[in-house]
Amino acid sequence: MTLSDMEMDRDWKPTGKVRPQSTMAQAFSSALDSAFMLDSDVNHLSLTIDQKKQQMAIQTRELENLQARIREAEERLKAQSHHSVSASSAGPTPGEHDRPSALSIRTGFFDHHWDSG
């Protein structure tokens, strides 16, 4: 029993492989590609896209590192300012009131204050 062309077409299922091309089809495809320089444009675009993806990945990592460093610096600053506020609210250390401040020395308050006594 011989199958007709219609029966063969109906029973045909793709195998997932690339369909073979005839020599004439390959030559025609090559001629079109070279006439319109499709291969070189596609290859160039593909390379450009890959380079830009790689550049974006690098820049994303750099940005994440910078953001982490900024967060760490902000946390240190917050801890430092919190520490200095709590230290200043505790009041002067013993003996500190006996020494003139830099402001009183610069303004001359120190001289006038001690001269009056």
PDB file of N, CA and C in Angstrom:
ATOM      1  N   MET A   1       0.841  -1.165   0.000  1.00  0.00           N
ATOM      2  CA  MET A   1       0.000   0.000   0.000  1.00  0.00           C
ATOM      3  C   MET A   1       0.889   1.232   0.000  1.00  0.00           C
ATOM      4  N   THR A   2       0.691   2.077  -0.957  1.00  0.00           N
ATOM      5  CA  THR A   2       1.457   3.293  -1.132  1.00  0.00           C
ATOM      6  C   THR A   2       0.621   4.463  -0.644  1.00  0.00           C
ATOM      7  N   LEU A   3       1.260   5.333   0.136  1.00  0.00           N
ATOM      8  CA  LEU A   3       0.552   6.502   0.647  1.00  0.00           C
ATOM      9  C   LEU A   3       0.600   7.620  -0.380  1.00  0.00           C
ATOM     10  N   SER A   4      -0.486   8.318  -0.519  1.00  0.00           N
ATOM     11  CA  SER A   4      -0.521   9.455  -1.435  1.00  0.00           C
ATOM     12  C   SER A   4       0.168  10.645  -0.767  1.00  0.00           C
ATOM     13  N   ASP A   5       0.427  11.655  -1.547  1.00  0.00           N
ATOM     14  CA  ASP A   5       1.070  12.860  -1.016  1.00  0.00           C
ATOM     15  C   ASP A   5       0.229  13.501   0.086  1.00  0.00           C
ATOM     16  N   MET A   6      -1.084  13.511  -0.100  1.00  0.00           N
ATOM     17  CA  MET A   6      -1.962  14.100   0.910  1.00  0.00           C
ATOM     18  C   MET A   6      -1.884  13.323   2.212  1.00  0.00           C
ATOM     19  N   GLU A   7      -1.849  12.024   2.111  1.00  0.00           N
ATOM     20  CA  GLU A   7      -1.774  11.200   3.312  1.00  0.00           C
ATOM     21  C   GLU A   7      -0.423  11.390   4.016  1.00  0.00           C
ATOM     22  N   MET A   8       0.626  11.513   3.222  1.00  0.00           N
ATOM     23  CA  MET A   8       1.955  11.729   3.800  1.00  0.00           C
ATOM     24  C   MET A   8       2.024  13.090   4.500  1.00  0.00           C
ATOM     25  N   ASP A   9       1.434  14.100   3.858  1.00  0.00           N
ATOM     26  CA  ASP A   9       1.427  15.434   4.466  1.00  0.00           C
ATOM     27  C   ASP A   9       0.621  15.441   5.769  1.00  0.00           C
ATOM     28  N   ARG A  10      -0.491  14.727   5.762  1.00  0.00           N
ATOM     29  CA  ARG A  10      -1.352  14.685   6.932  1.00  0.00           C
ATOM     30  C   ARG A  10      -0.657  13.949   8.081  1.00  0.00           C
ATOM     31  N   ASP A  11       0.070  12.910   7.795  1.00  0.00           N
ATOM     32  CA  ASP A  11       0.739  12.109   8.816  1.00  0.00           C
ATOM     33  C   ASP A  11       2.078  12.692   9.259  1.00  0.00           C
ATOM     34  N   TRP A  12       2.572  13.670   8.522  1.00  0.00           N
ATOM     35  CA  TRP A  12       3.891  14.233   8.850  1.00  0.00           C
ATOM     36  C   TRP A  12       3.820  15.041  10.134  1.00  0.00           C
ATOM     37  N   LYS A  13       4.789  14.817  11.012  1.00  0.00           N
ATOM     38  CA  LYS A  13       4.902  15.580  12.252  1.00  0.00           C
ATOM     39  C   LYS A  13       6.326  16.105  12.331  1.00  0.00           C
ATOM     40  N   PRO A  14       6.480  17.351  12.764  1.00  0.00           N
ATOM     41  CA  PRO A  14       7.834  17.906  12.852  1.00  0.00           C
ATOM     42  C   PRO A  14       8.642  17.169  13.925  1.00  0.00           C
ATOM     43  N   THR A  15       9.909  17.017  13.653  1.00  0.00           N
ATOM     44  CA  THR A  15      10.786  16.303  14.586  1.00  0.00           C
ATOM     45  C   THR A  15      11.576  17.264  15.458  1.00  0.00           C
ATOM     46  N   GLY A  16      11.414  18.540  15.255  1.00  0.00           N
ATOM     47  CA  GLY A  16      12.151  19.519  16.034  1.00  0.00           C
ATOM     48  C   GLY A  16      13.485  19.873  15.398  1.00  0.00           C
ATOM     49  N   LYS A  17      13.850  19.184  14.379  1.00  0.00           N
ATOM     50  CA  LYS A  17      15.099  19.486  13.684  1.00  0.00           C
ATOM     51  C   LYS A  17      14.854  20.579  12.655  1.00  0.00           C
ATOM     52  N   VAL A  18      15.919  21.236  12.291  1.00  0.00           N
ATOM     53  CA  VAL A  18      15.822  22.262  11.262  1.00  0.00           C
ATOM     54  C   VAL A  18      15.539  21.574   9.935  1.00  0.00           C
ATOM     55  N   ARG A  19      14.628  22.142   9.237  1.00  0.00           N
ATOM     56  CA  ARG A  19      14.258  21.573   7.942  1.00  0.00           C
ATOM     57  C   ARG A  19      15.402  21.767   6.959  1.00  0.00           C
ATOM     58  N   PRO A  20      15.798  20.735   6.259  1.00  0.00           N
ATOM     59  CA  PRO A  20      16.917  20.878   5.314  1.00  0.00           C
ATOM     60  C   PRO A  20      16.553  21.821   4.172  1.00  0.00           C
ATOM     61  N   GLN A  21      17.550  22.584   3.742  1.00  0.00           N
ATOM     62  CA  GLN A  21      17.328  23.509   2.634  1.00  0.00           C
ATOM     63  C   GLN A  21      18.071  22.995   1.408  1.00  0.00           C
ATOM     64  N   SER A  22      17.509  23.288   0.296  1.00  0.00           N
ATOM     65  CA  SER A  22      18.177  22.910  -0.946  1.00  0.00           C
ATOM     66  C   SER A  22      19.343  23.855  -1.192  1.00  0.00           C
ATOM     67  N   THR A  23      20.235  23.454  -2.053  1.00  0.00           N
ATOM     68  CA  THR A  23      21.389  24.280  -2.396  1.00  0.00           C
ATOM     69  C   THR A  23      20.930  25.590  -3.004  1.00  0.00           C
ATOM     70  N   MET A  24      19.881  25.533  -3.815  1.00  0.00           N
ATOM     71  CA  MET A  24      19.370  26.735  -4.455  1.00  0.00           C
ATOM     72  C   MET A  24      18.797  27.690  -3.398  1.00  0.00           C
ATOM     73  N   ALA A  25      18.072  27.165  -2.407  1.00  0.00           N
ATOM     74  CA  ALA A  25      17.498  28.003  -1.356  1.00  0.00           C
ATOM     75  C   ALA A  25      18.607  28.628  -0.517  1.00  0.00           C
ATOM     76  N   GLN A  26      19.652  27.854  -0.229  1.00  0.00           N
ATOM     77  CA  GLN A  26      20.772  28.384   0.541  1.00  0.00           C
ATOM     78  C   GLN A  26      21.485  29.497  -0.224  1.00  0.00           C
ATOM     79  N   ALA A  27      21.678  29.294  -1.533  1.00  0.00           N
ATOM     80  CA  ALA A  27      22.343  30.303  -2.357  1.00  0.00           C
ATOM     81  C   ALA A  27      21.502  31.576  -2.423  1.00  0.00           C
ATOM     82  N   PHE A  28      20.176  31.406  -2.565  1.00  0.00           N
ATOM     83  CA  PHE A  28      19.286  32.557  -2.633  1.00  0.00           C
ATOM     84  C   PHE A  28      19.304  33.325  -1.305  1.00  0.00           C
ATOM     85  N   SER A  29      19.265  32.597  -0.196  1.00  0.00           N
ATOM     86  CA  SER A  29      19.304  33.219   1.123  1.00  0.00           C
ATOM     87  C   SER A  29      20.615  33.966   1.330  1.00  0.00           C
ATOM     88  N   SER A  30      21.691  33.371   0.900  1.00  0.00           N
ATOM     89  CA  SER A  30      23.004  34.009   1.019  1.00  0.00           C
ATOM     90  C   SER A  30      23.077  35.265   0.158  1.00  0.00           C
ATOM     91  N   ALA A  31      22.508  35.192  -1.053  1.00  0.00           N
ATOM     92  CA  ALA A  31      22.511  36.352  -1.944  1.00  0.00           C
ATOM     93  C   ALA A  31      21.696  37.495  -1.338  1.00  0.00           C
ATOM     94  N   LEU A  32      20.543  37.176  -0.748  1.00  0.00           N
ATOM     95  CA  LEU A  32      19.730  38.207  -0.098  1.00  0.00           C
ATOM     96  C   LEU A  32      20.469  38.820   1.090  1.00  0.00           C
ATOM     97  N   ASP A  33      21.081  37.964   1.892  1.00  0.00           N
ATOM     98  CA  ASP A  33      21.819  38.461   3.053  1.00  0.00           C
ATOM     99  C   ASP A  33      22.944  39.394   2.638  1.00  0.00           C
ATOM    100  N   SER A  34      23.689  39.003   1.623  1.00  0.00           N
ATOM    101  CA  SER A  34      24.810  39.847   1.201  1.00  0.00           C
ATOM    102  C   SER A  34      24.312  41.111   0.506  1.00  0.00           C
ATOM    103  N   ALA A  35      23.190  41.020  -0.212  1.00  0.00           N
ATOM    104  CA  ALA A  35      22.658  42.197  -0.893  1.00  0.00           C
ATOM    105  C   ALA A  35      22.190  43.239   0.124  1.00  0.00           C
ATOM    106  N   PHE A  36      21.562  42.791   1.173  1.00  0.00           N
ATOM    107  CA  PHE A  36      21.050  43.719   2.180  1.00  0.00           C
ATOM    108  C   PHE A  36      21.918  43.763   3.438  1.00  0.00           C
ATOM    109  N   MET A  37      23.018  43.066   3.418  1.00  0.00           N
ATOM    110  CA  MET A  37      23.960  42.968   4.536  1.00  0.00           C
ATOM    111  C   MET A  37      23.222  42.639   5.838  1.00  0.00           C
ATOM    112  N   LEU A  38      22.324  41.675   5.760  1.00  0.00           N
ATOM    113  CA  LEU A  38      21.529  41.307   6.925  1.00  0.00           C
ATOM    114  C   LEU A  38      22.372  40.630   7.996  1.00  0.00           C
ATOM    115  N   ASP A  39      23.253  39.735   7.592  1.00  0.00           N
ATOM    116  CA  ASP A  39      24.055  39.005   8.574  1.00  0.00           C
ATOM    117  C   ASP A  39      24.917  39.936   9.405  1.00  0.00           C
ATOM    118  N   SER A  40      25.617  40.850   8.731  1.00  0.00           N
ATOM    119  CA  SER A  40      26.518  41.726   9.477  1.00  0.00           C
ATOM    120  C   SER A  40      25.736  42.667  10.390  1.00  0.00           C
ATOM    121  N   ASP A  41      24.596  43.162   9.928  1.00  0.00           N
ATOM    122  CA  ASP A  41      23.780  44.039  10.771  1.00  0.00           C
ATOM    123  C   ASP A  41      23.237  43.286  11.985  1.00  0.00           C
ATOM    124  N   VAL A  42      22.755  42.087  11.749  1.00  0.00           N
ATOM    125  CA  VAL A  42      22.208  41.292  12.848  1.00  0.00           C
ATOM    126  C   VAL A  42      23.311  40.935  13.834  1.00  0.00           C
ATOM    127  N   ASN A  43      24.461  40.522  13.324  1.00  0.00           N
ATOM    128  CA  ASN A  43      25.579  40.182  14.205  1.00  0.00           C
ATOM    129  C   ASN A  43      26.033  41.402  15.001  1.00  0.00           C
ATOM    130  N   HIS A  44      26.106  42.545  14.332  1.00  0.00           N
ATOM    131  CA  HIS A  44      26.522  43.775  15.008  1.00  0.00           C
ATOM    132  C   HIS A  44      25.521  44.158  16.096  1.00  0.00           C
ATOM    133  N   LEU A  45      24.237  44.091  15.768  1.00  0.00           N
ATOM    134  CA  LEU A  45      23.208  44.413  16.759  1.00  0.00           C
ATOM    135  C   LEU A  45      23.247  43.438  17.933  1.00  0.00           C
ATOM    136  N   SER A  46      23.446  42.176  17.631  1.00  0.00           N
ATOM    137  CA  SER A  46      23.521  41.169  18.681  1.00  0.00           C
ATOM    138  C   SER A  46      24.698  41.433  19.611  1.00  0.00           C
ATOM    139  N   LEU A  47      25.841  41.777  19.031  1.00  0.00           N
ATOM    140  CA  LEU A  47      27.020  42.108  19.833  1.00  0.00           C
ATOM    141  C   LEU A  47      26.770  43.348  20.684  1.00  0.00           C
ATOM    142  N   THR A  48      26.175  44.361  20.074  1.00  0.00           N
ATOM    143  CA  THR A  48      25.888  45.603  20.792  1.00  0.00           C
ATOM    144  C   THR A  48      24.945  45.348  21.964  1.00  0.00           C
ATOM    145  N   ILE A  49      23.922  44.552  21.734  1.00  0.00           N
ATOM    146  CA  ILE A  49      22.965  44.232  22.797  1.00  0.00           C
ATOM    147  C   ILE A  49      23.660  43.486  23.930  1.00  0.00           C
ATOM    148  N   ASP A  50      24.500  42.512  23.588  1.00  0.00           N
ATOM    149  CA  ASP A  50      25.227  41.760  24.616  1.00  0.00           C
ATOM    150  C   ASP A  50      26.142  42.666  25.429  1.00  0.00           C
ATOM    151  N   GLN A  51      26.823  43.586  24.750  1.00  0.00           N
ATOM    152  CA  GLN A  51      27.717  44.511  25.456  1.00  0.00           C
ATOM    153  C   GLN A  51      26.929  45.421  26.394  1.00  0.00           C
ATOM    154  N   LYS A  52      25.787  45.907  25.919  1.00  0.00           N
ATOM    155  CA  LYS A  52      24.971  46.794  26.755  1.00  0.00           C
ATOM    156  C   LYS A  52      24.392  46.045  27.957  1.00  0.00           C
ATOM    157  N   LYS A  53      24.003  44.789  27.759  1.00  0.00           N
ATOM    158  CA  LYS A  53      23.505  43.989  28.880  1.00  0.00           C
ATOM    159  C   LYS A  53      24.601  43.801  29.924  1.00  0.00           C
ATOM    160  N   GLN A  54      25.805  43.501  29.454  1.00  0.00           N
ATOM    161  CA  GLN A  54      26.930  43.307  30.367  1.00  0.00           C
ATOM    162  C   GLN A  54      27.252  44.609  31.104  1.00  0.00           C
ATOM    163  N   GLN A  55      27.235  45.719  30.376  1.00  0.00           N
ATOM    164  CA  GLN A  55      27.506  47.023  30.982  1.00  0.00           C
ATOM    165  C   GLN A  55      26.438  47.360  32.034  1.00  0.00           C
ATOM    166  N   MET A  56      25.183  47.071  31.732  1.00  0.00           N
ATOM    167  CA  MET A  56      24.106  47.330  32.695  1.00  0.00           C
ATOM    168  C   MET A  56      24.266  46.472  33.942  1.00  0.00           C
ATOM    169  N   ALA A  57      24.667  45.219  33.766  1.00  0.00           N
ATOM    170  CA  ALA A  57      24.868  44.339  34.922  1.00  0.00           C
ATOM    171  C   ALA A  57      25.981  44.877  35.813  1.00  0.00           C
ATOM    172  N   ILE A  58      27.064  45.343  35.203  1.00  0.00           N
ATOM    173  CA  ILE A  58      28.184  45.909  35.964  1.00  0.00           C
ATOM    174  C   ILE A  58      27.732  47.167  36.694  1.00  0.00           C
ATOM    175  N   GLN A  59      27.029  48.043  35.994  1.00  0.00           N
ATOM    176  CA  GLN A  59      26.576  49.293  36.607  1.00  0.00           C
ATOM    177  C   GLN A  59      25.557  49.032  37.718  1.00  0.00           C
ATOM    178  N   THR A  60      24.734  48.014  37.556  1.00  0.00           N
ATOM    179  CA  THR A  60      23.771  47.659  38.595  1.00  0.00           C
ATOM    180  C   THR A  60      24.496  47.205  39.852  1.00  0.00           C
ATOM    181  N   ARG A  61      25.537  46.365  39.681  1.00  0.00           N
ATOM    182  CA  ARG A  61      26.324  45.926  40.841  1.00  0.00           C
ATOM    183  C   ARG A  61      27.007  47.112  41.516  1.00  0.00           C
ATOM    184  N   GLU A  62      27.568  48.018  40.711  1.00  0.00           N
ATOM    185  CA  GLU A  62      28.229  49.198  41.275  1.00  0.00           C
ATOM    186  C   GLU A  62      27.234  50.060  42.047  1.00  0.00           C
ATOM    187  N   LEU A  63      26.045  50.242  41.488  1.00  0.00           N
ATOM    188  CA  LEU A  63      25.008  51.034  42.154  1.00  0.00           C
ATOM    189  C   LEU A  63      24.596  50.389  43.474  1.00  0.00           C
ATOM    190  N   GLU A  64      24.424  49.068  43.474  1.00  0.00           N
ATOM    191  CA  GLU A  64      24.057  48.372  44.707  1.00  0.00           C
ATOM    192  C   GLU A  64      25.143  48.528  45.763  1.00  0.00           C
ATOM    193  N   ASN A  65      26.415  48.445  45.347  1.00  0.00           N
ATOM    194  CA  ASN A  65      27.524  48.627  46.289  1.00  0.00           C
ATOM    195  C   ASN A  65      27.531  50.042  46.858  1.00  0.00           C
ATOM    196  N   LEU A  66      27.314  51.033  45.996  1.00  0.00           N
ATOM    197  CA  LEU A  66      27.273  52.420  46.463  1.00  0.00           C
ATOM    198  C   LEU A  66      26.114  52.648  47.429  1.00  0.00           C
ATOM    199  N   GLN A  67      24.958  52.084  47.116  1.00  0.00           N
ATOM    200  CA  GLN A  67      23.807  52.233  48.001  1.00  0.00           C
ATOM    201  C   GLN A  67      24.084  51.599  49.363  1.00  0.00           C
ATOM    202  N   ALA A  68      24.746  50.450  49.366  1.00  0.00           N
ATOM    203  CA  ALA A  68      25.086  49.792  50.633  1.00  0.00           C
ATOM    204  C   ALA A  68      26.054  50.650  51.434  1.00  0.00           C
ATOM    205  N   ARG A  69      27.042  51.239  50.761  1.00  0.00           N
ATOM    206  CA  ARG A  69      28.002  52.102  51.455  1.00  0.00           C
ATOM    207  C   ARG A  69      27.317  53.343  52.023  1.00  0.00           C
ATOM    208  N   ILE A  70      26.369  53.906  51.276  1.00  0.00           N
ATOM    209  CA  ILE A  70      25.635  55.087  51.753  1.00  0.00           C
ATOM    210  C   ILE A  70      24.815  54.719  52.987  1.00  0.00           C
ATOM    211  N   ARG A  71      24.134  53.561  52.941  1.00  0.00           N
ATOM    212  CA  ARG A  71      23.347  53.128  54.102  1.00  0.00           C
ATOM    213  C   ARG A  71      24.242  52.947  55.332  1.00  0.00           C
ATOM    214  N   GLU A  72      25.410  52.325  55.133  1.00  0.00           N
ATOM    215  CA  GLU A  72      26.338  52.128  56.253  1.00  0.00           C
ATOM    216  C   GLU A  72      26.803  53.465  56.820  1.00  0.00           C
ATOM    217  N   ALA A  73      27.125  54.410  55.937  1.00  0.00           N
ATOM    218  CA  ALA A  73      27.574  55.729  56.393  1.00  0.00           C
ATOM    219  C   ALA A  73      26.457  56.450  57.139  1.00  0.00           C
ATOM    220  N   GLU A  74      25.223  56.348  56.641  1.00  0.00           N
ATOM    221  CA  GLU A  74      24.092  56.975  57.322  1.00  0.00           C
ATOM    222  C   GLU A  74      23.879  56.366  58.702  1.00  0.00           C
ATOM    223  N   GLU A  75      24.024  55.036  58.805  1.00  0.00           N
ATOM    224  CA  GLU A  75      23.859  54.382  60.101  1.00  0.00           C
ATOM    225  C   GLU A  75      24.953  54.815  61.076  1.00  0.00           C
ATOM    226  N   ARG A  76      26.193  54.902  60.592  1.00  0.00           N
ATOM    227  CA  ARG A  76      27.286  55.362  61.456  1.00  0.00           C
ATOM    228  C   ARG A  76      27.047  56.799  61.906  1.00  0.00           C
ATOM    229  N   LEU A  77      26.604  57.644  60.973  1.00  0.00           N
ATOM    230  CA  LEU A  77      26.332  59.044  61.299  1.00  0.00           C
ATOM    231  C   LEU A  77      25.210  59.154  62.327  1.00  0.00           C
ATOM    232  N   LYS A  78      24.163  58.367  62.125  1.00  0.00           N
ATOM    233  CA  LYS A  78      23.042  58.387  63.065  1.00  0.00           C
ATOM    234  C   LYS A  78      23.499  57.915  64.444  1.00  0.00           C
ATOM    235  N   ALA A  79      24.288  56.851  64.491  1.00  0.00           N
ATOM    236  CA  ALA A  79      24.781  56.349  65.776  1.00  0.00           C
ATOM    237  C   ALA A  79      25.703  57.366  66.434  1.00  0.00           C
ATOM    238  N   GLN A  80      26.540  58.008  65.633  1.00  0.00           N
ATOM    239  CA  GLN A  80      27.475  58.998  66.166  1.00  0.00           C
ATOM    240  C   GLN A  80      26.724  60.221  66.692  1.00  0.00           C
ATOM    241  N   SER A  81      25.742  60.707  65.953  1.00  0.00           N
ATOM    242  CA  SER A  81      24.982  61.875  66.403  1.00  0.00           C
ATOM    243  C   SER A  81      24.148  61.529  67.630  1.00  0.00           C
ATOM    244  N   HIS A  82      23.620  60.319  67.680  1.00  0.00           N
ATOM    245  CA  HIS A  82      22.853  59.885  68.851  1.00  0.00           C
ATOM    246  C   HIS A  82      23.771  59.808  70.067  1.00  0.00           C
ATOM    247  N   HIS A  83      24.982  59.321  69.856  1.00  0.00           N
ATOM    248  CA  HIS A  83      25.959  59.213  70.943  1.00  0.00           C
ATOM    249  C   HIS A  83      26.366  60.597  71.437  1.00  0.00           C
ATOM    250  N   SER A  84      26.600  61.541  70.526  1.00  0.00           N
ATOM    251  CA  SER A  84      27.026  62.882  70.935  1.00  0.00           C
ATOM    252  C   SER A  84      25.890  63.641  71.620  1.00  0.00           C
ATOM    253  N   VAL A  85      24.654  63.420  71.220  1.00  0.00           N
ATOM    254  CA  VAL A  85      23.511  64.066  71.863  1.00  0.00           C
ATOM    255  C   VAL A  85      23.362  63.541  73.281  1.00  0.00           C
ATOM    256  N   SER A  86      23.492  62.242  73.471  1.00  0.00           N
ATOM    257  CA  SER A  86      23.349  61.679  74.812  1.00  0.00           C
ATOM    258  C   SER A  86      24.513  62.101  75.701  1.00  0.00           C
ATOM    259  N   ALA A  87      25.698  62.272  75.150  1.00  0.00           N
ATOM    260  CA  ALA A  87      26.852  62.709  75.935  1.00  0.00           C
ATOM    261  C   ALA A  87      26.702  64.173  76.334  1.00  0.00           C
ATOM    262  N   SER A  88      26.186  65.012  75.449  1.00  0.00           N
ATOM    263  CA  SER A  88      26.032  66.433  75.772  1.00  0.00           C
ATOM    264  C   SER A  88      24.887  66.666  76.748  1.00  0.00           C
ATOM    265  N   SER A  89      23.889  65.809  76.748  1.00  0.00           N
ATOM    266  CA  SER A  89      22.778  65.968  77.683  1.00  0.00           C
ATOM    267  C   SER A  89      23.161  65.515  79.083  1.00  0.00           C
ATOM    268  N   ALA A  90      24.267  64.794  79.222  1.00  0.00           N
ATOM    269  CA  ALA A  90      24.712  64.333  80.533  1.00  0.00           C
ATOM    270  C   ALA A  90      25.322  65.471  81.335  1.00  0.00           C
ATOM    271  N   GLY A  91      25.689  66.564  80.699  1.00  0.00           N
ATOM    272  CA  GLY A  91      26.249  67.717  81.402  1.00  0.00           C
ATOM    273  C   GLY A  91      27.762  67.714  81.330  1.00  0.00           C
ATOM    274  N   PRO A  92      28.370  68.758  81.885  1.00  0.00           N
ATOM    275  CA  PRO A  92      29.824  68.867  81.801  1.00  0.00           C
ATOM    276  C   PRO A  92      30.495  67.852  82.709  1.00  0.00           C
ATOM    277  N   THR A  93      31.690  67.494  82.325  1.00  0.00           N
ATOM    278  CA  THR A  93      32.466  66.574  83.141  1.00  0.00           C
ATOM    279  C   THR A  93      33.044  67.339  84.314  1.00  0.00           C
ATOM    280  N   PRO A  94      33.391  66.673  85.407  1.00  0.00           N
ATOM    281  CA  PRO A  94      33.934  67.376  86.577  1.00  0.00           C
ATOM    282  C   PRO A  94      35.177  68.173  86.207  1.00  0.00           C
ATOM    283  N   GLY A  95      35.243  69.406  86.685  1.00  0.00           N
ATOM    284  CA  GLY A  95      36.375  70.274  86.396  1.00  0.00           C
ATOM    285  C   GLY A  95      36.238  71.042  85.105  1.00  0.00           C
ATOM    286  N   GLU A  96      35.248  70.696  84.293  1.00  0.00           N
ATOM    287  CA  GLU A  96      35.094  71.356  82.998  1.00  0.00           C
ATOM    288  C   GLU A  96      34.627  72.791  83.172  1.00  0.00           C
ATOM    289  N   HIS A  97      33.851  73.096  84.209  1.00  0.00           N
ATOM    290  CA  HIS A  97      33.350  74.456  84.417  1.00  0.00           C
ATOM    291  C   HIS A  97      34.456  75.395  84.877  1.00  0.00           C
ATOM    292  N   ASP A  98      35.585  74.863  85.330  1.00  0.00           N
ATOM    293  CA  ASP A  98      36.698  75.700  85.769  1.00  0.00           C
ATOM    294  C   ASP A  98      37.507  76.238  84.601  1.00  0.00           C
ATOM    295  N   ARG A  99      37.425  75.574  83.467  1.00  0.00           N
ATOM    296  CA  ARG A  99      38.219  75.994  82.310  1.00  0.00           C
ATOM    297  C   ARG A  99      37.422  76.954  81.446  1.00  0.00           C
ATOM    298  N   PRO A 100      38.067  77.979  80.887  1.00  0.00           N
ATOM    299  CA  PRO A 100      37.347  78.887  79.982  1.00  0.00           C
ATOM    300  C   PRO A 100      37.087  78.191  78.652  1.00  0.00           C
ATOM    301  N   SER A 101      35.979  78.515  78.042  1.00  0.00           N
ATOM    302  CA  SER A 101      35.663  77.932  76.746  1.00  0.00           C
ATOM    303  C   SER A 101      36.385  78.695  75.652  1.00  0.00           C
ATOM    304  N   ALA A 102      36.481  78.072  74.495  1.00  0.00           N
ATOM    305  CA  ALA A 102      37.131  78.721  73.356  1.00  0.00           C
ATOM    306  C   ALA A 102      36.361  79.965  72.959  1.00  0.00           C
ATOM    307  N   LEU A 103      35.045  79.953  73.082  1.00  0.00           N
ATOM    308  CA  LEU A 103      34.230  81.108  72.722  1.00  0.00           C
ATOM    309  C   LEU A 103      34.510  82.275  73.660  1.00  0.00           C
ATOM    310  N   SER A 104      34.617  82.003  74.946  1.00  0.00           N
ATOM    311  CA  SER A 104      34.863  83.097  75.884  1.00  0.00           C
ATOM    312  C   SER A 104      36.252  83.682  75.691  1.00  0.00           C
ATOM    313  N   ILE A 105      37.215  82.873  75.306  1.00  0.00           N
ATOM    314  CA  ILE A 105      38.564  83.384  75.065  1.00  0.00           C
ATOM    315  C   ILE A 105      38.569  84.271  73.831  1.00  0.00           C
ATOM    316  N   ARG A 106      37.894  83.847  72.774  1.00  0.00           N
ATOM    317  CA  ARG A 106      37.876  84.618  71.526  1.00  0.00           C
ATOM    318  C   ARG A 106      37.115  85.925  71.670  1.00  0.00           C
ATOM    319  N   THR A 107      36.083  85.961  72.442  1.00  0.00           N
ATOM    320  CA  THR A 107      35.265  87.168  72.550  1.00  0.00           C
ATOM    321  C   THR A 107      35.783  88.126  73.604  1.00  0.00           C
ATOM    322  N   GLY A 108      36.753  87.701  74.368  1.00  0.00           N
ATOM    323  CA  GLY A 108      37.278  88.558  75.413  1.00  0.00           C
ATOM    324  C   GLY A 108      36.485  88.469  76.696  1.00  0.00           C
ATOM    325  N   PHE A 109      35.439  87.652  76.709  1.00  0.00           N
ATOM    326  CA  PHE A 109      34.632  87.497  77.909  1.00  0.00           C
ATOM    327  C   PHE A 109      35.480  86.990  79.060  1.00  0.00           C
ATOM    328  N   PHE A 110      36.403  86.135  78.743  1.00  0.00           N
ATOM    329  CA  PHE A 110      37.250  85.533  79.773  1.00  0.00           C
ATOM    330  C   PHE A 110      38.031  86.603  80.523  1.00  0.00           C
ATOM    331  N   ASP A 111      38.632  87.569  79.786  1.00  0.00           N
ATOM    332  CA  ASP A 111      39.434  88.617  80.420  1.00  0.00           C
ATOM    333  C   ASP A 111      38.567  89.498  81.310  1.00  0.00           C
ATOM    334  N   HIS A 112      37.417  89.911  80.798  1.00  0.00           N
ATOM    335  CA  HIS A 112      36.543  90.799  81.562  1.00  0.00           C
ATOM    336  C   HIS A 112      35.972  90.084  82.776  1.00  0.00           C
ATOM    337  N   HIS A 113      35.652  88.817  82.607  1.00  0.00           N
ATOM    338  CA  HIS A 113      35.052  88.050  83.688  1.00  0.00           C
ATOM    339  C   HIS A 113      36.022  87.909  84.857  1.00  0.00           C
ATOM    340  N   TRP A 114      37.263  87.652  84.552  1.00  0.00           N
ATOM    341  CA  TRP A 114      38.256  87.443  85.619  1.00  0.00           C
ATOM    342  C   TRP A 114      38.804  88.770  86.157  1.00  0.00           C
ATOM    343  N   ASP A 115      38.765  89.824  85.332  1.00  0.00           N
ATOM    344  CA  ASP A 115      39.263  91.125  85.799  1.00  0.00           C
ATOM    345  C   ASP A 115      38.346  91.733  86.845  1.00  0.00           C
ATOM    346  N   SER A 116      37.059  91.428  86.750  1.00  0.00           N
ATOM    347  CA  SER A 116      36.105  92.049  87.666  1.00  0.00           C
ATOM    348  C   SER A 116      36.220  91.481  89.072  1.00  0.00           C
ATOM    349  N   GLY A 117      36.891  90.373  89.250  1.00  0.00           N
ATOM    350  CA  GLY A 117      36.933  89.716  90.541  1.00  0.00           C
ATOM    351  C   GLY A 117      38.105  90.018  91.343  1.00  0.00           C
TER     352      GLY A 117
END
